[in-house]
Amino acid sequence: MPHLIMEYSNSVDERVNTQRLLEDLHHAAIQSGLFDAPSLKSRSLRYHDWLVGEEADSVDFIHVTFELLDGRSAEQKRELSRQLMSVLQQQANHVRSLTINIRDMDRECCQKVVN
C-alpha cells in the first residue's frame, strides 16, 4: 500500500522530464525490496502557485513524499530516501530545492479495498 507523491513547481517542467522522473522514482522504490511491487502507487502534482521563504516563487522545487505501512526500520527508510534522492539528483540537480520525506502509515488505521 505504499504511495509515492512527487510534488513540483511548474517551472520544473521546463527543464525536467517529469514523467520520466516519476517512472524512475517508481522503479527505484520497487528495487528497494521493501514491499510488493504491485502495491506501489505513484503520482505527481504540479503546482502553479507556491512560496519559498522570502524568495517567493523564484525558487523551484521537487518534493517527494513516500508513505508506507509502518514496520520498516529507520535504516531501511533512510536507504529508501537515499535511493530516491540519487534519482532526483541525477535528473534534476539544477532544481534549487530537492526534498524527500518518508512517512509511516499506521497499519491499524489504514484501510484498503480492491475490487
N, C-alpha and C. Protein backbone atom coordinates (compact mmCIF):
# COMPACT_ATOMS: atom_id res chain seq x y z
N MET A 1 0.81 -1.20 0.00
CA MET A 1 0.00 0.00 0.00
C MET A 1 0.85 1.26 0.00
N PRO A 2 2.09 1.21 -0.44
CA PRO A 2 2.91 2.42 -0.44
C PRO A 2 2.45 3.42 -1.50
N HIS A 3 2.66 4.68 -1.19
CA HIS A 3 2.31 5.78 -2.09
C HIS A 3 3.52 6.69 -2.26
N LEU A 4 3.88 6.97 -3.51
CA LEU A 4 4.93 7.92 -3.83
C LEU A 4 4.24 9.12 -4.48
N ILE A 5 4.41 10.29 -3.86
CA ILE A 5 3.80 11.51 -4.38
C ILE A 5 4.92 12.50 -4.68
N MET A 6 5.07 12.86 -5.95
CA MET A 6 6.08 13.82 -6.35
C MET A 6 5.39 15.16 -6.60
N GLU A 7 5.71 16.15 -5.80
CA GLU A 7 5.17 17.49 -5.98
C GLU A 7 6.26 18.37 -6.57
N TYR A 8 5.88 19.27 -7.48
CA TYR A 8 6.91 20.11 -8.08
C TYR A 8 6.31 21.43 -8.58
N SER A 9 7.17 22.43 -8.61
CA SER A 9 6.76 23.74 -9.14
C SER A 9 6.68 23.67 -10.66
N ASN A 10 5.75 24.42 -11.23
CA ASN A 10 5.56 24.32 -12.67
C ASN A 10 6.79 24.73 -13.47
N SER A 11 7.68 25.49 -12.86
CA SER A 11 8.93 25.88 -13.54
C SER A 11 9.84 24.67 -13.79
N VAL A 12 9.65 23.61 -13.05
CA VAL A 12 10.46 22.40 -13.23
C VAL A 12 10.16 21.75 -14.58
N ASP A 13 8.91 21.85 -15.03
CA ASP A 13 8.51 21.25 -16.31
C ASP A 13 9.36 21.71 -17.49
N GLU A 14 9.90 22.90 -17.40
CA GLU A 14 10.69 23.45 -18.49
C GLU A 14 12.05 22.78 -18.62
N ARG A 15 12.52 22.15 -17.53
CA ARG A 15 13.89 21.63 -17.53
C ARG A 15 14.02 20.16 -17.16
N VAL A 16 12.93 19.54 -16.75
CA VAL A 16 12.97 18.14 -16.32
C VAL A 16 11.83 17.38 -17.00
N ASN A 17 12.13 16.19 -17.46
CA ASN A 17 11.09 15.31 -17.97
C ASN A 17 10.42 14.68 -16.75
N THR A 18 9.34 15.31 -16.29
CA THR A 18 8.73 14.89 -15.03
C THR A 18 8.10 13.51 -15.10
N GLN A 19 7.58 13.11 -16.25
CA GLN A 19 7.03 11.76 -16.39
C GLN A 19 8.12 10.72 -16.24
N ARG A 20 9.24 10.95 -16.90
CA ARG A 20 10.37 10.01 -16.78
C ARG A 20 10.90 9.98 -15.36
N LEU A 21 10.99 11.15 -14.72
CA LEU A 21 11.46 11.20 -13.34
C LEU A 21 10.54 10.40 -12.44
N LEU A 22 9.23 10.58 -12.60
CA LEU A 22 8.26 9.82 -11.79
C LEU A 22 8.44 8.32 -12.02
N GLU A 23 8.61 7.91 -13.27
CA GLU A 23 8.80 6.49 -13.58
C GLU A 23 10.08 5.96 -12.94
N ASP A 24 11.15 6.73 -12.99
CA ASP A 24 12.42 6.29 -12.43
C ASP A 24 12.36 6.23 -10.90
N LEU A 25 11.67 7.17 -10.27
CA LEU A 25 11.46 7.12 -8.83
C LEU A 25 10.65 5.88 -8.46
N HIS A 26 9.62 5.61 -9.24
CA HIS A 26 8.76 4.45 -9.03
C HIS A 26 9.59 3.15 -9.08
N HIS A 27 10.44 3.03 -10.10
CA HIS A 27 11.26 1.83 -10.25
C HIS A 27 12.32 1.72 -9.15
N ALA A 28 12.88 2.85 -8.73
CA ALA A 28 13.86 2.82 -7.64
C ALA A 28 13.20 2.35 -6.35
N ALA A 29 11.97 2.79 -6.12
CA ALA A 29 11.24 2.35 -4.93
C ALA A 29 10.97 0.85 -4.98
N ILE A 30 10.58 0.35 -6.15
CA ILE A 30 10.33 -1.09 -6.30
C ILE A 30 11.61 -1.87 -6.02
N GLN A 31 12.73 -1.38 -6.53
CA GLN A 31 14.01 -2.07 -6.35
C GLN A 31 14.46 -2.10 -4.90
N SER A 32 13.88 -1.27 -4.04
CA SER A 32 14.26 -1.27 -2.63
C SER A 32 13.92 -2.59 -1.96
N GLY A 33 12.91 -3.29 -2.49
CA GLY A 33 12.51 -4.57 -1.93
C GLY A 33 11.74 -4.47 -0.62
N LEU A 34 11.26 -3.29 -0.28
CA LEU A 34 10.57 -3.08 1.00
C LEU A 34 9.09 -3.42 0.95
N PHE A 35 8.56 -3.74 -0.23
CA PHE A 35 7.13 -4.01 -0.38
C PHE A 35 6.91 -4.74 -1.69
N ASP A 36 5.71 -5.25 -1.89
CA ASP A 36 5.37 -5.91 -3.15
C ASP A 36 5.18 -4.88 -4.24
N ALA A 37 5.82 -5.07 -5.36
CA ALA A 37 5.77 -4.11 -6.47
C ALA A 37 4.35 -3.73 -6.89
N PRO A 38 3.42 -4.69 -7.02
CA PRO A 38 2.07 -4.31 -7.49
C PRO A 38 1.32 -3.37 -6.54
N SER A 39 1.79 -3.25 -5.31
CA SER A 39 1.07 -2.40 -4.35
C SER A 39 1.49 -0.93 -4.42
N LEU A 40 2.58 -0.61 -5.11
CA LEU A 40 3.07 0.77 -5.17
C LEU A 40 2.23 1.62 -6.11
N LYS A 41 1.79 2.77 -5.62
CA LYS A 41 1.07 3.76 -6.43
C LYS A 41 1.89 5.04 -6.45
N SER A 42 2.21 5.53 -7.64
CA SER A 42 3.00 6.76 -7.78
C SER A 42 2.23 7.78 -8.59
N ARG A 43 2.36 9.03 -8.21
CA ARG A 43 1.68 10.10 -8.93
C ARG A 43 2.43 11.40 -8.72
N SER A 44 2.13 12.37 -9.56
CA SER A 44 2.77 13.67 -9.43
C SER A 44 1.73 14.77 -9.37
N LEU A 45 2.11 15.83 -8.70
CA LEU A 45 1.26 17.02 -8.58
C LEU A 45 2.08 18.23 -8.97
N ARG A 46 1.62 18.95 -9.95
CA ARG A 46 2.29 20.16 -10.43
C ARG A 46 1.62 21.37 -9.78
N TYR A 47 2.43 22.25 -9.22
CA TYR A 47 1.89 23.44 -8.55
C TYR A 47 2.15 24.69 -9.39
N HIS A 48 1.11 25.49 -9.51
CA HIS A 48 1.22 26.75 -10.22
C HIS A 48 1.46 27.91 -9.27
N ASP A 49 1.13 27.73 -8.03
CA ASP A 49 1.31 28.76 -7.01
C ASP A 49 2.07 28.18 -5.84
N TRP A 50 3.16 28.82 -5.43
CA TRP A 50 3.96 28.38 -4.29
C TRP A 50 4.80 29.54 -3.80
N LEU A 51 5.24 29.42 -2.58
CA LEU A 51 6.13 30.41 -1.97
C LEU A 51 7.23 29.65 -1.23
N VAL A 52 8.46 30.14 -1.33
CA VAL A 52 9.58 29.56 -0.59
C VAL A 52 10.30 30.71 0.11
N GLY A 53 10.25 30.72 1.42
CA GLY A 53 10.93 31.76 2.19
C GLY A 53 10.59 33.15 1.69
N GLU A 54 11.58 34.00 1.62
CA GLU A 54 11.37 35.36 1.15
C GLU A 54 11.60 35.50 -0.35
N GLU A 55 11.95 34.39 -1.01
CA GLU A 55 12.19 34.42 -2.45
C GLU A 55 10.94 34.07 -3.25
N ALA A 56 9.86 33.83 -2.54
CA ALA A 56 8.55 33.58 -3.17
C ALA A 56 8.63 32.46 -4.19
N ASP A 57 8.14 32.72 -5.42
CA ASP A 57 8.08 31.66 -6.42
C ASP A 57 9.29 31.64 -7.36
N SER A 58 10.37 32.33 -6.97
CA SER A 58 11.57 32.29 -7.81
C SER A 58 12.42 31.05 -7.52
N VAL A 59 12.06 30.30 -6.50
CA VAL A 59 12.78 29.07 -6.15
C VAL A 59 11.96 27.88 -6.64
N ASP A 60 12.54 27.10 -7.54
CA ASP A 60 11.82 25.92 -8.00
C ASP A 60 12.11 24.75 -7.05
N PHE A 61 11.21 23.77 -7.04
CA PHE A 61 11.36 22.67 -6.09
C PHE A 61 10.76 21.38 -6.63
N ILE A 62 11.26 20.28 -6.07
CA ILE A 62 10.64 18.96 -6.19
C ILE A 62 10.64 18.38 -4.79
N HIS A 63 9.49 17.95 -4.34
CA HIS A 63 9.37 17.30 -3.03
C HIS A 63 8.69 15.95 -3.22
N VAL A 64 9.33 14.91 -2.69
CA VAL A 64 8.77 13.57 -2.77
C VAL A 64 8.33 13.15 -1.37
N THR A 65 7.07 12.76 -1.27
CA THR A 65 6.56 12.15 -0.05
C THR A 65 6.36 10.68 -0.35
N PHE A 66 6.88 9.83 0.52
CA PHE A 66 6.72 8.39 0.34
C PHE A 66 6.07 7.86 1.61
N GLU A 67 4.86 7.33 1.45
CA GLU A 67 4.11 6.78 2.57
C GLU A 67 4.08 5.27 2.46
N LEU A 68 4.42 4.58 3.55
CA LEU A 68 4.37 3.14 3.55
C LEU A 68 3.94 2.64 4.92
N LEU A 69 3.40 1.44 4.94
CA LEU A 69 2.94 0.88 6.21
C LEU A 69 4.09 0.79 7.20
N ASP A 70 3.79 1.06 8.46
CA ASP A 70 4.83 1.01 9.48
C ASP A 70 5.40 -0.39 9.61
N GLY A 71 6.56 -0.49 10.22
CA GLY A 71 7.20 -1.79 10.41
C GLY A 71 8.59 -1.87 9.81
N ARG A 72 8.98 -0.88 9.03
CA ARG A 72 10.34 -0.87 8.47
C ARG A 72 11.26 -0.16 9.46
N SER A 73 12.51 -0.57 9.46
CA SER A 73 13.49 0.05 10.37
C SER A 73 13.85 1.44 9.86
N ALA A 74 14.42 2.24 10.77
CA ALA A 74 14.88 3.58 10.38
C ALA A 74 15.93 3.47 9.28
N GLU A 75 16.81 2.48 9.37
CA GLU A 75 17.84 2.32 8.34
C GLU A 75 17.23 1.96 6.98
N GLN A 76 16.21 1.13 6.95
CA GLN A 76 15.55 0.80 5.69
C GLN A 76 14.93 2.05 5.07
N LYS A 77 14.32 2.88 5.89
CA LYS A 77 13.70 4.11 5.37
C LYS A 77 14.75 5.12 4.94
N ARG A 78 15.87 5.20 5.68
CA ARG A 78 16.97 6.09 5.26
C ARG A 78 17.53 5.65 3.91
N GLU A 79 17.70 4.34 3.74
CA GLU A 79 18.23 3.83 2.47
C GLU A 79 17.27 4.10 1.32
N LEU A 80 15.98 3.93 1.55
CA LEU A 80 14.99 4.27 0.53
C LEU A 80 15.09 5.75 0.17
N SER A 81 15.20 6.59 1.17
CA SER A 81 15.34 8.03 0.94
C SER A 81 16.59 8.33 0.13
N ARG A 82 17.70 7.68 0.46
CA ARG A 82 18.95 7.88 -0.29
C ARG A 82 18.80 7.45 -1.75
N GLN A 83 18.14 6.31 -1.97
CA GLN A 83 17.96 5.82 -3.34
C GLN A 83 17.10 6.78 -4.16
N LEU A 84 16.03 7.28 -3.55
CA LEU A 84 15.17 8.23 -4.25
C LEU A 84 15.90 9.55 -4.52
N MET A 85 16.68 10.02 -3.54
CA MET A 85 17.42 11.27 -3.73
C MET A 85 18.46 11.11 -4.83
N SER A 86 19.04 9.94 -4.95
CA SER A 86 20.01 9.71 -6.02
C SER A 86 19.36 9.91 -7.38
N VAL A 87 18.16 9.39 -7.55
CA VAL A 87 17.43 9.57 -8.81
C VAL A 87 17.13 11.05 -9.03
N LEU A 88 16.66 11.73 -7.99
CA LEU A 88 16.37 13.17 -8.11
C LEU A 88 17.61 13.95 -8.53
N GLN A 89 18.73 13.68 -7.88
CA GLN A 89 19.94 14.43 -8.20
C GLN A 89 20.45 14.13 -9.60
N GLN A 90 20.29 12.90 -10.06
CA GLN A 90 20.74 12.56 -11.41
C GLN A 90 19.95 13.31 -12.47
N GLN A 91 18.66 13.49 -12.24
CA GLN A 91 17.81 14.07 -13.28
C GLN A 91 17.43 15.52 -13.06
N ALA A 92 17.60 16.01 -11.83
CA ALA A 92 17.12 17.37 -11.53
C ALA A 92 18.08 18.14 -10.64
N ASN A 93 19.37 17.91 -10.81
CA ASN A 93 20.34 18.58 -9.93
C ASN A 93 20.35 20.10 -10.08
N HIS A 94 19.79 20.61 -11.14
CA HIS A 94 19.71 22.05 -11.36
C HIS A 94 18.47 22.68 -10.71
N VAL A 95 17.59 21.85 -10.16
CA VAL A 95 16.42 22.36 -9.43
C VAL A 95 16.91 22.78 -8.06
N ARG A 96 16.50 23.96 -7.63
CA ARG A 96 17.06 24.58 -6.42
C ARG A 96 16.80 23.78 -5.15
N SER A 97 15.60 23.23 -4.98
CA SER A 97 15.25 22.54 -3.75
C SER A 97 14.74 21.13 -4.07
N LEU A 98 15.47 20.13 -3.60
CA LEU A 98 15.08 18.73 -3.74
C LEU A 98 14.92 18.16 -2.33
N THR A 99 13.74 17.65 -2.01
CA THR A 99 13.49 17.13 -0.67
C THR A 99 12.69 15.84 -0.73
N ILE A 100 12.87 15.02 0.29
CA ILE A 100 12.16 13.75 0.40
C ILE A 100 11.73 13.56 1.85
N ASN A 101 10.53 13.06 2.04
CA ASN A 101 10.04 12.72 3.37
C ASN A 101 9.42 11.33 3.32
N ILE A 102 9.92 10.44 4.15
CA ILE A 102 9.37 9.09 4.26
C ILE A 102 8.44 9.09 5.47
N ARG A 103 7.22 8.65 5.27
CA ARG A 103 6.23 8.65 6.35
C ARG A 103 5.68 7.24 6.57
N ASP A 104 5.48 6.91 7.83
CA ASP A 104 4.83 5.65 8.18
C ASP A 104 3.32 5.84 8.23
N MET A 105 2.60 4.84 7.71
CA MET A 105 1.15 4.78 7.86
C MET A 105 0.86 3.75 8.95
N ASP A 106 -0.03 4.07 9.84
CA ASP A 106 -0.40 3.20 10.94
C ASP A 106 -1.22 2.03 10.41
N ARG A 107 -0.71 0.81 10.51
CA ARG A 107 -1.39 -0.38 10.00
C ARG A 107 -2.79 -0.54 10.58
N GLU A 108 -2.95 -0.19 11.83
CA GLU A 108 -4.24 -0.39 12.48
C GLU A 108 -5.31 0.60 12.00
N CYS A 109 -4.87 1.70 11.40
CA CYS A 109 -5.82 2.72 10.97
C CYS A 109 -6.02 2.75 9.45
N CYS A 110 -5.15 2.11 8.70
CA CYS A 110 -5.26 2.13 7.24
C CYS A 110 -6.29 1.10 6.79
N GLN A 111 -6.99 1.46 5.74
CA GLN A 111 -7.94 0.55 5.14
C GLN A 111 -7.72 0.53 3.64
N LYS A 112 -8.01 -0.61 3.05
CA LYS A 112 -7.82 -0.75 1.61
C LYS A 112 -8.91 -1.67 1.06
N VAL A 113 -9.49 -1.28 -0.06
CA VAL A 113 -10.46 -2.10 -0.75
C VAL A 113 -10.00 -2.24 -2.18
N VAL A 114 -9.89 -3.46 -2.65
CA VAL A 114 -9.50 -3.72 -4.04
C VAL A 114 -10.63 -4.51 -4.67
N ASN A 115 -11.21 -3.96 -5.71
CA ASN A 115 -12.31 -4.64 -6.41
C ASN A 115 -11.81 -5.32 -7.66
